[in-house]
């Protein structure tokens, strides 16, 4: 699965929360149900989407389905999403092609 498809699947608050919880270790649906406070069928729909995308997988332990992270990109992606950026990148001094014009925004030095 390419990176754009991964981002499309992950781009949902519940799925990000599920992935964050799974980054702590293996979880069953009942564990996720307590943490997310949404219905089991809703959680299962999100788990199915994540599994079909190849981001997670599961094993069966008796009657329980225990889910875990599968795609190595996910821990890195979650770490980036948790970062707090204090300011924007600075604007250019002028147009890089014509070397004319000025950035109308505030200059930070």
C-alpha atoms as a PDB file:
ATOM      1  CA  UNK A   1       0.000   0.000   0.000  1.00  0.00           C
ATOM      2  CA  UNK A   2       1.407   3.395  -0.917  1.00  0.00           C
ATOM      3  CA  UNK A   3       1.806   6.254   1.553  1.00  0.00           C
ATOM      4  CA  UNK A   4      -1.161   8.211   0.210  1.00  0.00           C
ATOM      5  CA  UNK A   5      -3.489   5.254   0.744  1.00  0.00           C
ATOM      6  CA  UNK A   6      -2.116   4.797   4.269  1.00  0.00           C
ATOM      7  CA  UNK A   7      -2.832   8.447   5.057  1.00  0.00           C
ATOM      8  CA  UNK A   8      -6.374   8.151   3.689  1.00  0.00           C
ATOM      9  CA  UNK A   9      -7.118   5.172   5.938  1.00  0.00           C
ATOM     10  CA  UNK A  10      -5.494   6.702   9.004  1.00  0.00           C
ATOM     11  CA  UNK A  11      -7.195  10.104   8.545  1.00  0.00           C
ATOM     12  CA  UNK A  12      -9.950   9.513  11.103  1.00  0.00           C
ATOM     13  CA  UNK A  13      -9.787  10.400  14.824  1.00  0.00           C
ATOM     14  CA  UNK A  14     -11.040   6.971  15.946  1.00  0.00           C
ATOM     15  CA  UNK A  15      -8.517   5.141  13.767  1.00  0.00           C
ATOM     16  CA  UNK A  16      -5.682   7.291  15.065  1.00  0.00           C
ATOM     17  CA  UNK A  17      -6.818   6.546  18.638  1.00  0.00           C
ATOM     18  CA  UNK A  18      -6.925   2.805  17.864  1.00  0.00           C
ATOM     19  CA  UNK A  19      -3.440   2.903  16.356  1.00  0.00           C
ATOM     20  CA  UNK A  20      -2.111   4.857  19.335  1.00  0.00           C
ATOM     21  CA  UNK A  21      -3.543   2.272  21.717  1.00  0.00           C
ATOM     22  CA  UNK A  22      -2.124  -0.589  19.642  1.00  0.00           C
ATOM     23  CA  UNK A  23       1.291   1.068  19.678  1.00  0.00           C
ATOM     24  CA  UNK A  24       1.311   0.278  23.423  1.00  0.00           C
ATOM     25  CA  UNK A  25       0.831  -3.428  22.641  1.00  0.00           C
ATOM     26  CA  UNK A  26      -1.742  -6.049  21.711  1.00  0.00           C
ATOM     27  CA  UNK A  27      -5.357  -5.125  22.476  1.00  0.00           C
ATOM     28  CA  UNK A  28      -8.666  -6.940  22.196  1.00  0.00           C
ATOM     29  CA  UNK A  29     -11.870  -5.264  21.024  1.00  0.00           C
ATOM     30  CA  UNK A  30     -13.134  -5.084  24.616  1.00  0.00           C
ATOM     31  CA  UNK A  31      -9.965  -3.163  25.612  1.00  0.00           C
ATOM     32  CA  UNK A  32     -10.565  -0.688  22.810  1.00  0.00           C
ATOM     33  CA  UNK A  33     -14.257  -0.426  23.683  1.00  0.00           C
ATOM     34  CA  UNK A  34     -13.417   0.748  27.226  1.00  0.00           C
ATOM     35  CA  UNK A  35     -10.841   3.235  25.985  1.00  0.00           C
ATOM     36  CA  UNK A  36     -12.775   4.704  23.035  1.00  0.00           C
ATOM     37  CA  UNK A  37     -16.248   4.719  24.563  1.00  0.00           C
ATOM     38  CA  UNK A  38     -17.917   3.855  21.241  1.00  0.00           C
ATOM     39  CA  UNK A  39     -19.895   0.768  20.289  1.00  0.00           C
ATOM     40  CA  UNK A  40     -18.260  -2.550  19.500  1.00  0.00           C
ATOM     41  CA  UNK A  41     -19.702  -2.656  15.935  1.00  0.00           C
ATOM     42  CA  UNK A  42     -18.252   0.789  15.239  1.00  0.00           C
ATOM     43  CA  UNK A  43     -14.836  -0.265  16.558  1.00  0.00           C
ATOM     44  CA  UNK A  44     -14.993  -3.417  14.442  1.00  0.00           C
ATOM     45  CA  UNK A  45     -15.655  -1.363  11.299  1.00  0.00           C
ATOM     46  CA  UNK A  46     -12.569   0.748  11.962  1.00  0.00           C
ATOM     47  CA  UNK A  47     -10.468  -2.321  12.768  1.00  0.00           C
ATOM     48  CA  UNK A  48     -11.594  -3.936   9.508  1.00  0.00           C
ATOM     49  CA  UNK A  49     -10.557  -0.868   7.498  1.00  0.00           C
ATOM     50  CA  UNK A  50      -7.155  -0.787   9.220  1.00  0.00           C
ATOM     51  CA  UNK A  51      -6.686  -4.519   8.696  1.00  0.00           C
ATOM     52  CA  UNK A  52      -7.647  -4.420   5.000  1.00  0.00           C
ATOM     53  CA  UNK A  53      -5.119  -1.610   4.567  1.00  0.00           C
ATOM     54  CA  UNK A  54      -2.426  -3.865   6.052  1.00  0.00           C
ATOM     55  CA  UNK A  55      -1.764  -1.577   8.992  1.00  0.00           C
ATOM     56  CA  UNK A  56      -2.850  -4.029  11.699  1.00  0.00           C
ATOM     57  CA  UNK A  57      -3.529  -7.749  12.042  1.00  0.00           C
ATOM     58  CA  UNK A  58      -4.992 -10.044  14.674  1.00  0.00           C
ATOM     59  CA  UNK A  59      -4.715 -13.472  16.230  1.00  0.00           C
ATOM     60  CA  UNK A  60      -7.467 -15.463  17.888  1.00  0.00           C
ATOM     61  CA  UNK A  61      -7.211 -16.440  21.534  1.00  0.00           C
ATOM     62  CA  UNK A  62     -10.287 -18.493  22.385  1.00  0.00           C
ATOM     63  CA  UNK A  63     -13.207 -16.193  21.635  1.00  0.00           C
ATOM     64  CA  UNK A  64     -11.088 -13.041  21.575  1.00  0.00           C
ATOM     65  CA  UNK A  65      -9.552 -11.324  18.574  1.00  0.00           C
ATOM     66  CA  UNK A  66      -6.347  -9.681  19.678  1.00  0.00           C
ATOM     67  CA  UNK A  67      -5.114  -6.879  17.394  1.00  0.00           C
ATOM     68  CA  UNK A  68      -1.577  -5.591  16.909  1.00  0.00           C
ATOM     69  CA  UNK A  69       0.318  -3.177  14.656  1.00  0.00           C
ATOM     70  CA  UNK A  70       1.728  -4.697  11.488  1.00  0.00           C
ATOM     71  CA  UNK A  71       2.970  -1.814   9.311  1.00  0.00           C
ATOM     72  CA  UNK A  72       6.304  -0.345  10.507  1.00  0.00           C
ATOM     73  CA  UNK A  73       5.344   3.126   9.241  1.00  0.00           C
ATOM     74  CA  UNK A  74       2.619   3.564  11.872  1.00  0.00           C
ATOM     75  CA  UNK A  75       4.774   4.213  15.002  1.00  0.00           C
ATOM     76  CA  UNK A  76       6.756   6.854  13.089  1.00  0.00           C
ATOM     77  CA  UNK A  77       3.578   8.452  11.744  1.00  0.00           C
ATOM     78  CA  UNK A  78       2.010   8.590  15.212  1.00  0.00           C
ATOM     79  CA  UNK A  79       5.150  10.182  16.635  1.00  0.00           C
ATOM     80  CA  UNK A  80       5.035  12.917  13.982  1.00  0.00           C
ATOM     81  CA  UNK A  81       1.336  13.573  14.684  1.00  0.00           C
ATOM     82  CA  UNK A  82       2.086  14.035  18.392  1.00  0.00           C
ATOM     83  CA  UNK A  83       4.702  16.740  17.779  1.00  0.00           C
ATOM     84  CA  UNK A  84       3.777  20.280  18.730  1.00  0.00           C
ATOM     85  CA  UNK A  85       5.124  22.932  16.383  1.00  0.00           C
ATOM     86  CA  UNK A  86       5.331  26.382  17.934  1.00  0.00           C
ATOM     87  CA  UNK A  87       5.484  28.448  14.744  1.00  0.00           C
ATOM     88  CA  UNK A  88       5.159  28.335  10.968  1.00  0.00           C
ATOM     89  CA  UNK A  89       8.070  28.058   8.591  1.00  0.00           C
ATOM     90  CA  UNK A  90       9.394  31.466   7.509  1.00  0.00           C
ATOM     91  CA  UNK A  91       8.227  32.927   4.200  1.00  0.00           C
ATOM     92  CA  UNK A  92      10.675  33.607   1.354  1.00  0.00           C
ATOM     93  CA  UNK A  93      12.523  36.912   1.060  1.00  0.00           C
ATOM     94  CA  UNK A  94      11.414  37.247  -2.575  1.00  0.00           C
ATOM     95  CA  UNK A  95      10.349  35.141  -5.553  1.00  0.00           C
ATOM     96  CA  UNK A  96      13.036  32.461  -6.062  1.00  0.00           C
ATOM     97  CA  UNK A  97      12.615  32.619  -9.859  1.00  0.00           C
ATOM     98  CA  UNK A  98      12.446  36.337 -10.662  1.00  0.00           C
ATOM     99  CA  UNK A  99      14.242  37.529  -7.497  1.00  0.00           C
ATOM    100  CA  UNK A 100      11.598  40.290  -7.298  1.00  0.00           C
ATOM    101  CA  UNK A 101       8.672  40.968  -5.043  1.00  0.00           C
ATOM    102  CA  UNK A 102       8.490  40.720  -1.292  1.00  0.00           C
ATOM    103  CA  UNK A 103       6.660  38.506   1.116  1.00  0.00           C
ATOM    104  CA  UNK A 104       3.630  40.433   2.456  1.00  0.00           C
ATOM    105  CA  UNK A 105       3.617  38.637   5.793  1.00  0.00           C
ATOM    106  CA  UNK A 106       5.434  39.513   8.976  1.00  0.00           C
ATOM    107  CA  UNK A 107       9.201  38.931   9.050  1.00  0.00           C
ATOM    108  CA  UNK A 108      10.538  36.937  11.976  1.00  0.00           C
ATOM    109  CA  UNK A 109      14.240  37.290  12.662  1.00  0.00           C
END
